[in-house]
Amino acid sequence: MTTSYANYIRMKNKKAQMKIQQMAFVLVAIMIFFSLVAIIFLTVRVADLKGSAKNLEESEARELVKKIAISPEFSLDSMSCASCIDLDKVIILKDRQSYKGFWNLDLLVIEKIYPEETGECMIGSYPECKTVTIVNKTTDYGAVSSAFVSLCYWKQAEEGYIKCEMGMIHASGKQINK
């Protein structure tokens, strides 16, 4: 009877060990499952955060371009048109070396959209030209931010008047591409 009792105890111990091992495997499986869920959640969250950061950078870039457009160096009389660029001022600024590093940009270009013109604006070809390149430090600009603006200049006629045309301002550089 003692041997059968000893066998009974051994069988009980083996069953108990088997149940402990099963419980350990179940706990490990649960830990792996929740770890995978956490990794997937964090991956999705980081991707969403990167998208939000990119949208914020693009928004800041657009705001910077708008600020440049209404800066005193470019703006027409603020009383007559708040978002108009004075093309006469821009042509003068283009040749000034002191303004090349003023905005800390790699590219700053003002472009006429309508009416269609061609060529770079110089004092001799102005106002029948398409683009005014104020800053052009590199060929690798990265992302270029743009905004629509009104380009205005003094039109010489018998009495003279201010003529405005449709244009865009493009900027790229350290301030925009963080």
C-alpha atoms as a PDB file:
ATOM      1  CA  MET A   1       0.000   0.000   0.000  1.00  0.00           C
ATOM      2  CA  THR A   2       2.855   2.314   0.565  1.00  0.00           C
ATOM      3  CA  THR A   3       4.106   1.909  -2.985  1.00  0.00           C
ATOM      4  CA  SER A   4       0.702   2.714  -4.409  1.00  0.00           C
ATOM      5  CA  TYR A   5       0.459   5.731  -2.121  1.00  0.00           C
ATOM      6  CA  ALA A   6       3.928   6.871  -3.267  1.00  0.00           C
ATOM      7  CA  ASN A   7       2.893   6.408  -6.901  1.00  0.00           C
ATOM      8  CA  TYR A   8      -0.264   8.386  -6.201  1.00  0.00           C
ATOM      9  CA  ILE A   9       1.789  11.263  -4.753  1.00  0.00           C
ATOM     10  CA  ARG A  10       4.180  11.196  -7.727  1.00  0.00           C
ATOM     11  CA  MET A  11       1.241  11.306 -10.142  1.00  0.00           C
ATOM     12  CA  LYS A  12      -0.225  14.251  -8.240  1.00  0.00           C
ATOM     13  CA  ASN A  13       3.137  16.063  -8.337  1.00  0.00           C
ATOM     14  CA  LYS A  14       3.469  15.464 -12.083  1.00  0.00           C
ATOM     15  CA  LYS A  15      -0.058  16.786 -12.685  1.00  0.00           C
ATOM     16  CA  ALA A  16       0.658  19.819 -10.520  1.00  0.00           C
ATOM     17  CA  GLN A  17       3.927  20.482 -12.368  1.00  0.00           C
ATOM     18  CA  MET A  18       2.094  20.118 -15.682  1.00  0.00           C
ATOM     19  CA  LYS A  19      -0.538  22.656 -14.571  1.00  0.00           C
ATOM     20  CA  ILE A  20       2.177  25.074 -13.406  1.00  0.00           C
ATOM     21  CA  GLN A  21       3.929  24.750 -16.779  1.00  0.00           C
ATOM     22  CA  GLN A  22       0.654  25.317 -18.616  1.00  0.00           C
ATOM     23  CA  MET A  23      -0.017  28.406 -16.525  1.00  0.00           C
ATOM     24  CA  ALA A  24       3.506  29.695 -17.200  1.00  0.00           C
ATOM     25  CA  PHE A  25       3.069  29.201 -20.972  1.00  0.00           C
ATOM     26  CA  VAL A  26      -0.302  30.957 -20.871  1.00  0.00           C
ATOM     27  CA  LEU A  27       1.228  33.898 -18.956  1.00  0.00           C
ATOM     28  CA  VAL A  28       4.121  34.116 -21.444  1.00  0.00           C
ATOM     29  CA  ALA A  29       1.646  34.008 -24.360  1.00  0.00           C
ATOM     30  CA  ILE A  30      -0.449  36.765 -22.774  1.00  0.00           C
ATOM     31  CA  MET A  31       2.685  38.895 -22.215  1.00  0.00           C
ATOM     32  CA  ILE A  32       3.770  38.402 -25.855  1.00  0.00           C
ATOM     33  CA  PHE A  33       0.271  39.289 -27.086  1.00  0.00           C
ATOM     34  CA  PHE A  34       0.090  42.503 -25.068  1.00  0.00           C
ATOM     35  CA  SER A  35       3.641  43.406 -26.086  1.00  0.00           C
ATOM     36  CA  LEU A  36       2.697  43.073 -29.761  1.00  0.00           C
ATOM     37  CA  VAL A  37      -0.440  45.159 -29.200  1.00  0.00           C
ATOM     38  CA  ALA A  38       1.649  47.836 -27.455  1.00  0.00           C
ATOM     39  CA  ILE A  39       4.231  47.866 -30.285  1.00  0.00           C
ATOM     40  CA  ILE A  40       1.502  48.227 -32.918  1.00  0.00           C
ATOM     41  CA  PHE A  41      -0.192  50.993 -30.925  1.00  0.00           C
ATOM     42  CA  LEU A  42       3.079  52.885 -30.489  1.00  0.00           C
ATOM     43  CA  THR A  43       3.961  52.503 -34.176  1.00  0.00           C
ATOM     44  CA  VAL A  44       0.605  53.945 -35.222  1.00  0.00           C
ATOM     45  CA  ARG A  45       0.875  56.731 -32.651  1.00  0.00           C
ATOM     46  CA  VAL A  46       4.410  57.708 -33.744  1.00  0.00           C
ATOM     47  CA  ALA A  47       3.337  57.750 -37.404  1.00  0.00           C
ATOM     48  CA  ASP A  48       0.405  60.006 -36.498  1.00  0.00           C
ATOM     49  CA  LEU A  49       2.718  62.237 -34.485  1.00  0.00           C
ATOM     50  CA  LYS A  50       5.138  62.532 -37.425  1.00  0.00           C
ATOM     51  CA  GLY A  51       2.230  63.508 -39.685  1.00  0.00           C
ATOM     52  CA  SER A  52       1.118  66.146 -37.195  1.00  0.00           C
ATOM     53  CA  ALA A  53       4.653  67.498 -36.936  1.00  0.00           C
ATOM     54  CA  LYS A  54       4.915  67.714 -40.733  1.00  0.00           C
ATOM     55  CA  ASN A  55       1.587  69.564 -40.920  1.00  0.00           C
ATOM     56  CA  LEU A  56       2.762  71.963 -38.223  1.00  0.00           C
ATOM     57  CA  GLU A  57       6.041  72.616 -40.070  1.00  0.00           C
ATOM     58  CA  GLU A  58       4.160  73.268 -43.309  1.00  0.00           C
ATOM     59  CA  SER A  59       1.820  75.646 -41.495  1.00  0.00           C
ATOM     60  CA  GLU A  60       4.765  77.485 -39.942  1.00  0.00           C
ATOM     61  CA  ALA A  61       6.419  77.684 -43.365  1.00  0.00           C
ATOM     62  CA  ARG A  62       3.314  79.231 -44.905  1.00  0.00           C
ATOM     63  CA  GLU A  63       3.126  81.738 -42.067  1.00  0.00           C
ATOM     64  CA  LEU A  64       6.796  82.647 -42.548  1.00  0.00           C
ATOM     65  CA  VAL A  65       6.215  83.236 -46.256  1.00  0.00           C
ATOM     66  CA  LYS A  66       3.224  85.446 -45.415  1.00  0.00           C
ATOM     67  CA  LYS A  67       5.305  87.392 -42.875  1.00  0.00           C
ATOM     68  CA  ILE A  68       8.009  87.953 -45.479  1.00  0.00           C
ATOM     69  CA  ALA A  69       5.376  89.153 -47.959  1.00  0.00           C
ATOM     70  CA  ILE A  70       4.071  91.811 -45.559  1.00  0.00           C
ATOM     71  CA  SER A  71       7.467  92.866 -44.214  1.00  0.00           C
ATOM     72  CA  PRO A  72       8.299  96.568 -44.638  1.00  0.00           C
ATOM     73  CA  GLU A  73      11.035  95.667 -47.128  1.00  0.00           C
ATOM     74  CA  PHE A  74       8.421  94.284 -49.532  1.00  0.00           C
ATOM     75  CA  SER A  75       5.057  95.755 -48.659  1.00  0.00           C
ATOM     76  CA  LEU A  76       3.278  98.423 -50.566  1.00  0.00           C
ATOM     77  CA  ASP A  77       1.628 101.143 -48.527  1.00  0.00           C
ATOM     78  CA  SER A  78      -0.179  99.229 -45.760  1.00  0.00           C
ATOM     79  CA  MET A  79      -3.134 101.588 -45.938  1.00  0.00           C
ATOM     80  CA  SER A  80      -3.942 100.781 -49.570  1.00  0.00           C
ATOM     81  CA  CYS A  81      -3.136  97.045 -49.664  1.00  0.00           C
ATOM     82  CA  ALA A  82      -1.988  94.973 -46.698  1.00  0.00           C
ATOM     83  CA  SER A  83      -0.829  91.898 -48.638  1.00  0.00           C
ATOM     84  CA  CYS A  84       0.597  93.621 -51.714  1.00  0.00           C
ATOM     85  CA  ILE A  85       4.281  93.446 -52.573  1.00  0.00           C
ATOM     86  CA  ASP A  86       5.876  96.577 -53.976  1.00  0.00           C
ATOM     87  CA  LEU A  87       7.770  95.271 -56.990  1.00  0.00           C
ATOM     88  CA  ASP A  88       9.744  98.512 -57.244  1.00  0.00           C
ATOM     89  CA  LYS A  89      11.197  97.901 -53.753  1.00  0.00           C
ATOM     90  CA  VAL A  90      11.920  94.267 -54.551  1.00  0.00           C
ATOM     91  CA  ILE A  91      13.914  95.152 -57.679  1.00  0.00           C
ATOM     92  CA  ILE A  92      16.042  97.546 -55.604  1.00  0.00           C
ATOM     93  CA  LEU A  93      16.504  94.927 -52.821  1.00  0.00           C
ATOM     94  CA  LYS A  94      17.583  92.316 -55.346  1.00  0.00           C
ATOM     95  CA  ASP A  95      20.900  94.048 -55.996  1.00  0.00           C
ATOM     96  CA  ARG A  96      21.662  94.798 -52.338  1.00  0.00           C
ATOM     97  CA  GLN A  97      24.159  92.294 -50.892  1.00  0.00           C
ATOM     98  CA  SER A  98      23.252  93.238 -47.318  1.00  0.00           C
ATOM     99  CA  TYR A  99      19.834  91.588 -47.711  1.00  0.00           C
ATOM    100  CA  LYS A 100      21.151  88.228 -48.979  1.00  0.00           C
ATOM    101  CA  GLY A 101      21.439  86.825 -45.408  1.00  0.00           C
ATOM    102  CA  PHE A 102      18.760  88.990 -43.803  1.00  0.00           C
ATOM    103  CA  TRP A 103      15.989  86.356 -43.779  1.00  0.00           C
ATOM    104  CA  ASN A 104      18.285  83.344 -43.208  1.00  0.00           C
ATOM    105  CA  LEU A 105      16.849  81.580 -46.270  1.00  0.00           C
ATOM    106  CA  ASP A 106      18.383  79.489 -49.040  1.00  0.00           C
ATOM    107  CA  LEU A 107      15.822  80.578 -51.629  1.00  0.00           C
ATOM    108  CA  LEU A 108      13.589  83.634 -51.899  1.00  0.00           C
ATOM    109  CA  VAL A 109      11.901  84.187 -55.259  1.00  0.00           C
ATOM    110  CA  ILE A 110       8.968  86.340 -56.309  1.00  0.00           C
ATOM    111  CA  GLU A 111       7.204  85.196 -59.462  1.00  0.00           C
ATOM    112  CA  LYS A 112       4.544  86.803 -61.656  1.00  0.00           C
ATOM    113  CA  ILE A 113       1.749  84.386 -62.481  1.00  0.00           C
ATOM    114  CA  TYR A 114      -0.448  86.624 -64.566  1.00  0.00           C
ATOM    115  CA  PRO A 115       0.083  88.124 -67.101  1.00  0.00           C
ATOM    116  CA  GLU A 116       2.484  85.602 -68.615  1.00  0.00           C
ATOM    117  CA  GLU A 117       5.989  86.994 -68.833  1.00  0.00           C
ATOM    118  CA  THR A 118       9.418  85.380 -69.199  1.00  0.00           C
ATOM    119  CA  GLY A 119      12.888  85.952 -67.849  1.00  0.00           C
ATOM    120  CA  GLU A 120      14.593  87.188 -64.707  1.00  0.00           C
ATOM    121  CA  CYS A 121      13.753  90.732 -63.642  1.00  0.00           C
ATOM    122  CA  MET A 122      16.577  93.216 -64.011  1.00  0.00           C
ATOM    123  CA  ILE A 123      16.395  96.968 -63.942  1.00  0.00           C
ATOM    124  CA  GLY A 124      16.485  97.036 -67.764  1.00  0.00           C
ATOM    125  CA  SER A 125      13.763  94.401 -68.296  1.00  0.00           C
ATOM    126  CA  TYR A 126      11.490  95.509 -65.457  1.00  0.00           C
ATOM    127  CA  PRO A 127       8.376  95.278 -65.353  1.00  0.00           C
ATOM    128  CA  GLU A 128       8.099  92.952 -68.410  1.00  0.00           C
ATOM    129  CA  CYS A 129       9.668  89.943 -66.639  1.00  0.00           C
ATOM    130  CA  LYS A 130       8.581  86.841 -64.724  1.00  0.00           C
ATOM    131  CA  THR A 131      10.795  86.238 -61.650  1.00  0.00           C
ATOM    132  CA  VAL A 132      12.793  88.210 -59.136  1.00  0.00           C
ATOM    133  CA  THR A 133      15.368  86.049 -57.364  1.00  0.00           C
ATOM    134  CA  ILE A 134      16.429  87.780 -54.155  1.00  0.00           C
ATOM    135  CA  VAL A 135      18.244  84.877 -52.466  1.00  0.00           C
ATOM    136  CA  ASN A 136      19.534  81.744 -54.197  1.00  0.00           C
ATOM    137  CA  LYS A 137      22.288  80.154 -52.093  1.00  0.00           C
ATOM    138  CA  THR A 138      22.058  76.512 -53.166  1.00  0.00           C
ATOM    139  CA  THR A 139      20.537  74.172 -55.732  1.00  0.00           C
ATOM    140  CA  ASP A 140      19.222  71.757 -53.073  1.00  0.00           C
ATOM    141  CA  TYR A 141      16.343  73.715 -51.516  1.00  0.00           C
ATOM    142  CA  GLY A 142      14.409  70.972 -49.843  1.00  0.00           C
ATOM    143  CA  ALA A 143      10.740  71.850 -49.432  1.00  0.00           C
ATOM    144  CA  VAL A 144       9.755  75.173 -50.954  1.00  0.00           C
ATOM    145  CA  SER A 145       6.836  77.037 -49.376  1.00  0.00           C
ATOM    146  CA  SER A 146       4.750  79.403 -51.445  1.00  0.00           C
ATOM    147  CA  ALA A 147       1.962  81.933 -51.033  1.00  0.00           C
ATOM    148  CA  PHE A 148      -0.126  83.956 -53.460  1.00  0.00           C
ATOM    149  CA  VAL A 149       0.418  87.713 -53.364  1.00  0.00           C
ATOM    150  CA  SER A 150      -0.428  90.825 -55.338  1.00  0.00           C
ATOM    151  CA  LEU A 151       2.554  92.364 -57.099  1.00  0.00           C
ATOM    152  CA  CYS A 152       2.138  96.113 -57.483  1.00  0.00           C
ATOM    153  CA  TYR A 153       4.317  98.736 -59.137  1.00  0.00           C
ATOM    154  CA  TRP A 154       4.110 102.328 -60.283  1.00  0.00           C
ATOM    155  CA  LYS A 155       3.052 102.442 -63.927  1.00  0.00           C
ATOM    156  CA  GLN A 156       4.395 105.447 -65.781  1.00  0.00           C
ATOM    157  CA  ALA A 157       1.717 107.008 -67.902  1.00  0.00           C
ATOM    158  CA  GLU A 158       0.494 110.561 -68.366  1.00  0.00           C
ATOM    159  CA  GLU A 159      -0.702 110.745 -64.769  1.00  0.00           C
ATOM    160  CA  GLY A 160       0.814 107.504 -63.427  1.00  0.00           C
ATOM    161  CA  TYR A 161      -0.978 104.869 -61.366  1.00  0.00           C
ATOM    162  CA  ILE A 162      -0.308 101.757 -59.322  1.00  0.00           C
ATOM    163  CA  LYS A 163      -0.765  98.552 -61.332  1.00  0.00           C
ATOM    164  CA  CYS A 164      -1.187  95.215 -59.538  1.00  0.00           C
ATOM    165  CA  GLU A 165      -0.714  91.738 -60.970  1.00  0.00           C
ATOM    166  CA  MET A 166      -1.066  88.216 -59.603  1.00  0.00           C
ATOM    167  CA  GLY A 167       2.064  86.579 -58.219  1.00  0.00           C
ATOM    168  CA  MET A 168       3.593  84.096 -55.814  1.00  0.00           C
ATOM    169  CA  ILE A 169       6.392  84.267 -53.287  1.00  0.00           C
ATOM    170  CA  HIS A 170       8.543  81.136 -52.809  1.00  0.00           C
ATOM    171  CA  ALA A 171      10.878  80.542 -49.863  1.00  0.00           C
ATOM    172  CA  SER A 172      13.012  77.699 -48.581  1.00  0.00           C
ATOM    173  CA  GLY A 173      15.728  77.434 -45.993  1.00  0.00           C
ATOM    174  CA  LYS A 174      16.784  76.902 -42.421  1.00  0.00           C
ATOM    175  CA  GLN A 175      13.808  78.784 -41.005  1.00  0.00           C
ATOM    176  CA  ILE A 176      11.343  76.599 -42.914  1.00  0.00           C
ATOM    177  CA  ASN A 177      12.953  73.139 -43.191  1.00  0.00           C
ATOM    178  CA  LYS A 178      13.682  72.289 -39.573  1.00  0.00           C
END
